[in-house]
Protein backbone atom coordinates (compact mmCIF):
# COMPACT_ATOMS: atom_id res chain seq x y z
CA MET A 1 -0.99 67.30 -38.75
CA SER A 2 -0.08 64.97 -36.38
CA SER A 3 -2.73 62.01 -35.61
CA SER A 4 -2.44 60.33 -32.42
CA THR A 5 -4.07 57.41 -31.55
CA MET A 6 -5.14 56.54 -27.79
CA PRO A 7 -4.05 53.03 -27.20
CA VAL A 8 -7.04 50.80 -25.76
CA ALA A 9 -6.92 48.59 -22.80
CA PRO A 10 -7.13 44.93 -23.81
CA HIS A 11 -9.19 44.16 -20.62
CA PRO A 12 -12.51 45.81 -22.07
CA LEU A 13 -11.98 43.84 -25.05
CA TRP A 14 -11.43 40.68 -23.37
CA TRP A 15 -14.82 41.14 -21.18
CA LEU A 16 -16.66 42.24 -24.31
CA ALA A 17 -15.62 39.02 -26.11
CA GLY A 18 -16.33 37.05 -22.98
CA LEU A 19 -20.04 38.30 -23.06
CA LEU A 20 -20.76 37.70 -26.40
CA ILE A 21 -19.42 34.53 -25.91
CA SER A 22 -21.45 33.62 -23.20
CA THR A 23 -24.62 35.33 -24.74
CA LEU A 24 -23.67 32.89 -28.00
CA LEU A 25 -23.63 30.00 -26.03
CA SER A 26 -26.62 30.60 -23.56
CA VAL A 27 -28.83 31.29 -26.39
CA ALA A 28 -27.80 27.78 -28.46
CA TRP A 29 -28.22 26.13 -24.81
CA PHE A 30 -31.72 27.45 -24.77
CA ARG A 31 -33.21 26.77 -28.34
CA TRP A 32 -31.97 23.17 -27.95
CA HIS A 33 -33.44 22.54 -24.60
CA GLU A 34 -36.57 24.04 -25.34
CA ALA A 35 -36.63 21.89 -29.11
CA SER A 36 -35.55 18.73 -27.08
CA THR A 37 -38.20 19.59 -24.50
CA VAL A 38 -41.02 19.97 -27.27
CA SER A 39 -40.02 17.34 -29.65
CA ALA A 40 -40.32 14.89 -26.05
CA SER A 41 -43.58 15.83 -24.74
CA SER A 42 -45.88 16.68 -27.45
CA PRO A 43 -46.15 14.85 -30.78
CA SER A 44 -44.44 15.89 -33.91
CA ARG A 45 -47.67 17.32 -35.73
CA PRO A 46 -51.86 17.79 -34.80
CA PRO A 47 -53.74 14.58 -36.20
CA GLU A 48 -55.07 15.60 -39.38
CA ILE A 49 -59.35 15.89 -39.55
CA VAL A 50 -60.26 16.23 -43.07
CA GLN A 51 -57.68 14.67 -45.55
CA ARG A 52 -58.31 14.99 -49.80
CA SER A 53 -56.55 13.71 -52.51
CA LEU A 54 -56.19 15.89 -55.57
CA LEU A 55 -54.97 16.05 -58.80
CA PHE A 56 -54.09 19.23 -60.43
CA ARG A 57 -54.23 19.72 -64.17
CA ASP A 58 -53.47 22.82 -66.62
CA GLU A 59 -55.78 23.07 -69.51
CA PRO A 60 -55.05 23.64 -72.56
CA ASP A 61 -57.58 27.09 -72.25
CA GLY A 62 -54.94 28.36 -69.21
CA SER A 63 -57.58 27.30 -66.80
CA ILE A 64 -56.64 24.78 -64.00
CA SER A 65 -58.85 21.71 -63.42
CA VAL A 66 -58.93 20.00 -59.59
CA THR A 67 -60.25 16.29 -59.41
CA ASP A 68 -61.19 14.16 -56.43
CA ALA A 69 -58.51 11.39 -56.87
CA ILE A 70 -60.17 8.91 -55.26
CA THR A 71 -63.22 9.39 -57.35
CA GLN A 72 -62.34 11.04 -60.25
CA LYS A 73 -64.94 13.91 -59.88
CA PRO A 74 -64.44 17.44 -60.75
CA VAL A 75 -64.12 19.78 -57.80
CA ALA A 76 -62.88 22.93 -59.24
CA GLN A 77 -62.36 24.67 -62.22
CA PHE A 78 -59.65 27.92 -61.65
CA HIS A 79 -59.80 30.59 -64.51
CA GLY A 80 -57.56 33.36 -64.98
CA GLU A 81 -54.14 33.82 -63.76
CA GLN A 82 -54.56 32.42 -60.29
CA GLY A 83 -51.17 33.28 -59.15
CA PHE A 84 -51.19 32.17 -55.98
CA VAL A 85 -52.62 28.87 -56.88
CA ARG A 86 -50.40 28.17 -59.49
CA GLY A 87 -46.90 29.41 -57.63
CA THR A 88 -47.79 26.72 -54.52
CA LEU A 89 -48.20 24.03 -57.07
CA ARG A 90 -45.31 25.24 -58.97
CA ALA A 91 -42.74 24.78 -55.80
CA LEU A 92 -44.36 21.50 -55.27
CA SER A 93 -44.02 20.56 -59.31
CA ARG A 94 -39.96 21.75 -59.23
CA GLU A 95 -39.32 19.26 -56.96
CA ARG A 96 -41.17 16.48 -58.63
CA ARG A 97 -39.21 17.54 -61.79
CA ARG A 98 -36.11 17.16 -59.97
CA GLN A 99 -36.66 13.66 -58.80
CA GLY A 100 -37.93 13.32 -62.01
CA LEU A 101 -41.14 11.93 -61.45
CA ASP A 102 -44.39 13.02 -63.39
CA ASN A 103 -47.21 15.21 -62.33
CA ALA A 104 -49.87 12.49 -61.95
CA HIS A 105 -49.60 11.54 -58.34
CA PRO A 106 -52.17 13.33 -56.89
CA PHE A 107 -51.50 16.05 -53.72
CA THR A 108 -52.84 15.08 -50.65
CA LEU A 109 -54.68 18.26 -48.71
CA SER A 110 -55.70 18.03 -45.09
CA LEU A 111 -56.84 20.01 -42.53
CA ARG A 112 -55.19 19.50 -39.14
CA ALA A 113 -56.76 19.78 -35.33
CA ASP A 114 -55.06 23.07 -35.26
CA ARG A 115 -56.71 24.19 -37.80
CA ARG A 116 -53.88 24.94 -40.55
CA ILE A 117 -54.52 23.53 -43.63
CA ILE A 118 -51.50 21.31 -45.61
CA LEU A 119 -50.78 20.91 -49.18
CA ARG A 120 -48.73 17.76 -49.00
CA ASP A 121 -47.02 15.46 -52.40
CA PRO A 122 -46.72 12.12 -50.98
CA SER A 123 -44.34 11.38 -54.34
CA THR A 124 -41.52 14.04 -52.34
CA GLY A 125 -42.24 14.44 -49.01
CA GLU A 126 -42.48 18.06 -49.69
CA HIS A 127 -44.85 20.13 -48.10
CA ILE A 128 -46.34 23.67 -48.26
CA ASP A 129 -48.33 25.37 -44.97
CA LEU A 130 -50.81 27.39 -46.35
CA ALA A 131 -51.86 29.30 -43.47
CA SER A 132 -48.12 31.09 -43.89
CA PHE A 133 -49.77 32.91 -46.90
CA GLY A 134 -52.78 34.81 -45.45
CA ALA A 135 -56.24 34.13 -44.83
CA SER A 136 -57.55 34.64 -48.67
CA ASN A 137 -54.94 32.55 -50.16
CA ARG A 138 -55.52 29.43 -47.20
CA GLU A 139 -59.30 30.01 -48.34
CA VAL A 140 -58.56 29.02 -51.83
CA PHE A 141 -57.20 25.83 -50.82
CA SER A 142 -59.95 24.81 -48.12
CA SER A 143 -62.77 25.40 -50.14
CA LEU A 144 -61.27 22.14 -52.44
CA LEU A 145 -60.68 20.55 -49.01
CA LEU A 146 -64.45 18.99 -48.28
CA ASP A 147 -66.68 17.21 -50.78
CA PRO A 148 -70.32 18.65 -51.08
CA SER A 149 -71.67 15.07 -49.78
CA HIS A 150 -69.20 14.96 -46.71
CA GLU A 151 -71.34 15.15 -43.68
CA ALA A 152 -70.07 18.52 -42.85
CA PHE A 153 -72.16 19.89 -45.10
CA LYS A 154 -75.50 17.82 -44.54
CA PRO A 155 -77.91 19.76 -42.48
CA SER A 156 -78.45 18.75 -38.34
CA ALA A 157 -81.61 16.88 -37.51
CA GLY A 158 -82.74 19.82 -35.73
CA ALA A 159 -82.19 22.44 -38.75
CA HIS A 160 -84.50 24.17 -40.96
CA PRO A 161 -83.39 25.21 -44.42
């Protein structure tokens, strides 16, 4: 049985390579141009509306206690698995351990003007955008954001109980 191969003309291959290279260069140029335009015309991030410093501590019974770092008042207690809370804190704590820091420093939880909730570790500079994990997971942390004595919880002057 003989196997014959058809010779391939080099011109279509050169055209195909040229098209591929020009496409890659065009995409790179547009991405670079878009990034430089966005950074020059808008601030790097929206301002924070509310910010709260919180201490998270693993308790002997397996729960996670949350304390306001400024007032030292308890904010919440998470019992049970709490996979999302634990996973989020573990991700930030891993960087602290890598840098040789302890967990005595508070995390900063903030709500930005674009309605994103960010958990930030000021001691390492790391942060997690909680909107990336869906509404139910975002809600776990948004419940920690405001102190019940905050003016957002106070009824307005014309409101009836």
